[in-house]
Structures are given as structure tokens and as C-alpha cells.
C-alpha atoms as a PDB file:
ATOM      1  CA  UNK A   1     243.312  45.974 118.254  1.00  0.00           C
ATOM      2  CA  UNK A   2     239.921  47.513 119.568  1.00  0.00           C
ATOM      3  CA  UNK A   3     240.643  46.584 123.024  1.00  0.00           C
ATOM      4  CA  UNK A   4     243.981  48.522 123.200  1.00  0.00           C
ATOM      5  CA  UNK A   5     242.350  51.416 121.464  1.00  0.00           C
ATOM      6  CA  UNK A   6     239.459  51.162 123.969  1.00  0.00           C
ATOM      7  CA  UNK A   7     241.741  51.214 126.918  1.00  0.00           C
ATOM      8  CA  UNK A   8     243.623  54.276 125.578  1.00  0.00           C
ATOM      9  CA  UNK A   9     240.436  56.203 125.050  1.00  0.00           C
ATOM     10  CA  UNK A  10     239.283  55.102 128.678  1.00  0.00           C
ATOM     11  CA  UNK A  11     242.638  56.149 130.428  1.00  0.00           C
ATOM     12  CA  UNK A  12     242.564  59.592 128.368  1.00  0.00           C
ATOM     13  CA  UNK A  13     238.750  60.030 129.126  1.00  0.00           C
ATOM     14  CA  UNK A  14     239.255  59.397 132.768  1.00  0.00           C
ATOM     15  CA  UNK A  15     240.996  62.889 133.488  1.00  0.00           C
ATOM     16  CA  UNK A  16     238.217  64.985 131.674  1.00  0.00           C
ATOM     17  CA  UNK A  17     235.513  64.869 134.410  1.00  0.00           C
ATOM     18  CA  UNK A  18     238.030  66.178 136.963  1.00  0.00           C
ATOM     19  CA  UNK A  19     239.056  69.009 134.666  1.00  0.00           C
ATOM     20  CA  UNK A  20     235.466  69.848 133.806  1.00  0.00           C
ATOM     21  CA  UNK A  21     234.540  69.967 137.574  1.00  0.00           C
ATOM     22  CA  UNK A  22     237.735  72.104 138.430  1.00  0.00           C
ATOM     23  CA  UNK A  23     236.791  74.492 135.543  1.00  0.00           C
ATOM     24  CA  UNK A  24     233.388  74.783 136.888  1.00  0.00           C
ATOM     25  CA  UNK A  25     234.445  75.205 140.632  1.00  0.00           C
ATOM     26  CA  UNK A  26     237.137  77.729 139.959  1.00  0.00           C
ATOM     27  CA  UNK A  27     235.232  79.728 136.984  1.00  0.00           C
ATOM     28  CA  UNK A  28     238.902  80.410 135.892  1.00  0.00           C
ATOM     29  CA  UNK A  29     240.239  78.928 132.763  1.00  0.00           C
ATOM     30  CA  UNK A  30     243.931  80.292 133.559  1.00  0.00           C
ATOM     31  CA  UNK A  31     246.302  77.546 132.977  1.00  0.00           C
ATOM     32  CA  UNK A  32     244.091  76.064 130.201  1.00  0.00           C
ATOM     33  CA  UNK A  33     245.623  75.887 126.927  1.00  0.00           C
ATOM     34  CA  UNK A  34     243.082  76.493 124.137  1.00  0.00           C
ATOM     35  CA  UNK A  35     245.729  75.076 121.649  1.00  0.00           C
ATOM     36  CA  UNK A  36     246.277  71.868 123.411  1.00  0.00           C
ATOM     37  CA  UNK A  37     242.216  71.546 123.924  1.00  0.00           C
ATOM     38  CA  UNK A  38     241.845  72.258 120.034  1.00  0.00           C
ATOM     39  CA  UNK A  39     244.469  69.563 119.106  1.00  0.00           C
ATOM     40  CA  UNK A  40     242.785  66.939 121.378  1.00  0.00           C
ATOM     41  CA  UNK A  41     239.343  67.792 119.852  1.00  0.00           C
ATOM     42  CA  UNK A  42     240.930  67.347 116.241  1.00  0.00           C
ATOM     43  CA  UNK A  43     242.549  64.103 117.406  1.00  0.00           C
ATOM     44  CA  UNK A  44     239.452  62.798 118.707  1.00  0.00           C
ATOM     45  CA  UNK A  45     237.404  63.810 115.360  1.00  0.00           C
ATOM     46  CA  UNK A  46     240.328  62.178 113.259  1.00  0.00           C
ATOM     47  CA  UNK A  47     239.796  59.018 115.443  1.00  0.00           C
ATOM     48  CA  UNK A  48     236.055  58.812 114.762  1.00  0.00           C
ATOM     49  CA  UNK A  49     236.644  59.439 111.166  1.00  0.00           C
ATOM     50  CA  UNK A  50     239.307  56.699 110.906  1.00  0.00           C
ATOM     51  CA  UNK A  51     237.267  54.253 112.984  1.00  0.00           C
ATOM     52  CA  UNK A  52     234.324  54.965 110.763  1.00  0.00           C
ATOM     53  CA  UNK A  53     236.360  54.616 107.358  1.00  0.00           C
ATOM     54  CA  UNK A  54     237.585  51.365 108.516  1.00  0.00           C
ATOM     55  CA  UNK A  55     234.207  49.917 109.662  1.00  0.00           C
ATOM     56  CA  UNK A  56     231.635  51.717 107.609  1.00  0.00           C
ATOM     57  CA  UNK A  57     228.067  52.173 109.189  1.00  0.00           C
ATOM     58  CA  UNK A  58     228.898  49.243 111.438  1.00  0.00           C
ATOM     59  CA  UNK A  59     231.350  51.421 113.299  1.00  0.00           C
ATOM     60  CA  UNK A  60     228.446  53.293 114.808  1.00  0.00           C
ATOM     61  CA  UNK A  61     227.649  49.923 116.778  1.00  0.00           C
ATOM     62  CA  UNK A  62     231.203  49.437 118.230  1.00  0.00           C
ATOM     63  CA  UNK A  63     231.995  50.398 121.698  1.00  0.00           C
ATOM     64  CA  UNK A  64     235.165  52.266 120.759  1.00  0.00           C
ATOM     65  CA  UNK A  65     233.086  54.481 118.505  1.00  0.00           C
ATOM     66  CA  UNK A  66     231.172  55.627 121.422  1.00  0.00           C
ATOM     67  CA  UNK A  67     234.221  56.179 123.781  1.00  0.00           C
ATOM     68  CA  UNK A  68     235.537  58.489 121.014  1.00  0.00           C
ATOM     69  CA  UNK A  69     232.362  60.232 121.077  1.00  0.00           C
ATOM     70  CA  UNK A  70     232.135  60.459 124.973  1.00  0.00           C
ATOM     71  CA  UNK A  71     235.691  61.781 125.113  1.00  0.00           C
ATOM     72  CA  UNK A  72     235.182  64.284 122.563  1.00  0.00           C
ATOM     73  CA  UNK A  73     232.059  65.610 124.322  1.00  0.00           C
ATOM     74  CA  UNK A  74     234.023  65.837 127.676  1.00  0.00           C
ATOM     75  CA  UNK A  75     236.730  67.925 126.019  1.00  0.00           C
ATOM     76  CA  UNK A  76     234.470  70.013 123.880  1.00  0.00           C
ATOM     77  CA  UNK A  77     232.442  70.653 127.382  1.00  0.00           C
ATOM     78  CA  UNK A  78     235.598  71.854 129.106  1.00  0.00           C
ATOM     79  CA  UNK A  79     236.665  73.825 125.805  1.00  0.00           C
ATOM     80  CA  UNK A  80     233.322  75.580 125.975  1.00  0.00           C
ATOM     81  CA  UNK A  81     233.233  76.380 129.768  1.00  0.00           C
ATOM     82  CA  UNK A  82     236.904  77.877 129.219  1.00  0.00           C
ATOM     83  CA  UNK A  83     235.629  80.080 126.514  1.00  0.00           C
ATOM     84  CA  UNK A  84     232.651  81.242 128.767  1.00  0.00           C
ATOM     85  CA  UNK A  85     234.453  81.707 131.643  1.00  0.00           C
ATOM     86  CA  UNK A  86     237.413  83.592 129.954  1.00  0.00           C
ATOM     87  CA  UNK A  87     234.769  85.841 128.367  1.00  0.00           C
ATOM     88  CA  UNK A  88     233.224  86.619 131.875  1.00  0.00           C
ATOM     89  CA  UNK A  89     236.550  87.443 133.143  1.00  0.00           C
ATOM     90  CA  UNK A  90     237.099  89.961 130.546  1.00  0.00           C
ATOM     91  CA  UNK A  91     233.821  91.597 130.959  1.00  0.00           C
ATOM     92  CA  UNK A  92     234.518  91.925 134.625  1.00  0.00           C
ATOM     93  CA  UNK A  93     237.832  93.335 133.979  1.00  0.00           C
ATOM     94  CA  UNK A  94     236.251  95.780 131.408  1.00  0.00           C
ATOM     95  CA  UNK A  95     233.619  97.075 133.889  1.00  0.00           C
ATOM     96  CA  UNK A  96     236.179  97.896 136.560  1.00  0.00           C
END
């Protein structure tokens, strides 16, 4: 079962580095959905909790756990960048 969860996490995680790079490059979170990213973050947190509740402390030594953590960190990075650039754009608009 872990192999299929791992493949899913690799596939989902493969898209986030390019999303982060685009957010940094354009410095504009337009088109990004904070609700969507919040739901994805909650989903990864739920996956981590579920994984650990099934495996206990041994779950920390499982590669699937670390894929969950990596994906969560990538989505959270994009989330924070979007909030930062959104605030910057609002500040610039207020100064005009």
C-alpha cells in the first residue's frame, strides 16, 4: 500500500517546485487560490496524522512520511510567498 501512496505523493509534489519558482519569478499571486492551498495543506497534515496513527513512532522512519513532509513544506512555501507578495502589492497600491 505504501508504494501507491508514495507514487501519489511524488506525482502531487512534482508540481510544487515549478509553482514556487513561478511565484518568485512573477512576484504576483494572482490566479492562486488561498482556499485551495489551505485545503491541500490540511490534506497533507491529515495524511501525516493518519500515517503516524497507523504506524506510531515507526512512521517517522518510513519514506512515505518524509514525502508527506516534503510536499507539505513545498505547499506551505508557496502559500507564504503568495501572502507576502499579496501584501507587497497591496502596500504598493496604497502608496500610489
